[in-house]
Amino acid sequence: MTSDDLAPGDRVSWNTPQGRTRGTVDEKRVRDFEFADQHFTASADEPAYLVTSERSGSQAAHKGSALRRLKPR
């Protein structure tokens, strides 16, 4: 799987300091952007994704390479 395969609504997991967590892709970004007072680089070749955690409801930004697709519920 490549990150290009991810789309809004996909369930994904990613590593955090507390362990692996799960969530849903909210948005695919293909241009540089600011999120939570941090600068993120993104491009069509290496998109970034906004995701929402299932556990906390918090939103985060991640590169596609950090995300792993999960089976739909």
Protein backbone atom coordinates (compact mmCIF):
# COMPACT_ATOMS: atom_id res chain seq x y z
CA MET A 1 0.00 0.00 0.00
CA THR A 2 1.15 3.52 -0.73
CA SER A 3 -0.10 6.61 1.02
CA ASP A 4 -1.83 7.56 -2.25
CA ASP A 5 -4.30 4.79 -1.48
CA LEU A 6 -5.55 6.56 1.67
CA ALA A 7 -8.70 8.64 1.46
CA PRO A 8 -10.97 10.48 3.89
CA GLY A 9 -12.95 7.96 5.92
CA ASP A 10 -10.27 5.25 5.84
CA ARG A 11 -9.44 3.68 9.22
CA VAL A 12 -5.72 3.80 9.98
CA SER A 13 -3.29 3.21 12.82
CA TRP A 14 -0.04 4.96 13.78
CA ASN A 15 2.60 4.91 16.50
CA THR A 16 2.49 7.31 19.44
CA PRO A 17 4.70 7.51 22.55
CA GLN A 18 1.90 5.65 24.37
CA GLY A 19 1.77 2.87 21.76
CA ARG A 20 -0.14 2.18 18.57
CA THR A 21 -3.42 4.08 18.17
CA ARG A 22 -6.26 4.02 15.66
CA GLY A 23 -8.30 6.65 13.93
CA THR A 24 -9.85 7.90 10.73
CA VAL A 25 -8.40 9.92 7.87
CA ASP A 26 -10.14 13.32 7.73
CA GLU A 27 -8.22 15.04 4.97
CA LYS A 28 -5.37 14.51 2.51
CA ARG A 29 -2.97 17.45 2.12
CA VAL A 30 -0.69 17.88 -0.90
CA ARG A 31 0.74 21.33 -0.06
CA ASP A 32 2.72 22.59 2.91
CA PHE A 33 0.51 23.65 5.82
CA GLU A 34 0.43 24.72 9.47
CA PHE A 35 -1.28 22.58 12.08
CA ALA A 36 -1.14 22.89 15.88
CA ASP A 37 1.55 25.59 15.61
CA GLN A 38 3.79 23.27 13.56
CA HIS A 39 4.82 23.45 9.91
CA PHE A 40 4.23 20.33 7.81
CA THR A 41 5.59 19.68 4.35
CA ALA A 42 3.43 17.83 1.86
CA SER A 43 3.32 17.29 -1.88
CA ALA A 44 1.44 15.21 -4.43
CA ASP A 45 4.28 12.68 -4.24
CA GLU A 46 4.43 12.69 -0.43
CA PRO A 47 1.06 13.76 0.96
CA ALA A 48 0.27 14.34 4.62
CA TYR A 49 -2.99 13.41 6.30
CA LEU A 50 -5.12 14.88 9.06
CA VAL A 51 -6.44 12.05 11.21
CA THR A 52 -8.75 11.85 14.23
CA SER A 53 -8.02 9.41 17.05
CA GLU A 54 -10.81 6.96 17.88
CA ARG A 55 -9.81 6.97 21.54
CA SER A 56 -9.34 10.67 22.33
CA GLY A 57 -11.07 12.43 19.45
CA SER A 58 -7.94 14.54 19.00
CA GLN A 59 -6.79 15.49 15.53
CA ALA A 60 -3.19 15.03 14.35
CA ALA A 61 -1.17 15.35 11.14
CA HIS A 62 0.98 12.51 9.80
CA LYS A 63 2.91 11.57 6.68
CA GLY A 64 1.39 8.69 4.76
CA SER A 65 4.42 6.54 5.54
CA ALA A 66 3.52 6.69 9.25
CA LEU A 67 -0.02 5.40 8.69
CA ARG A 68 -1.19 1.82 8.24
CA ARG A 69 -4.62 1.07 6.77
CA LEU A 70 -7.00 -0.98 8.94
CA LYS A 71 -10.00 -3.03 7.88
CA PRO A 72 -13.29 -1.09 7.99
CA ARG A 73 -15.49 -1.70 11.00
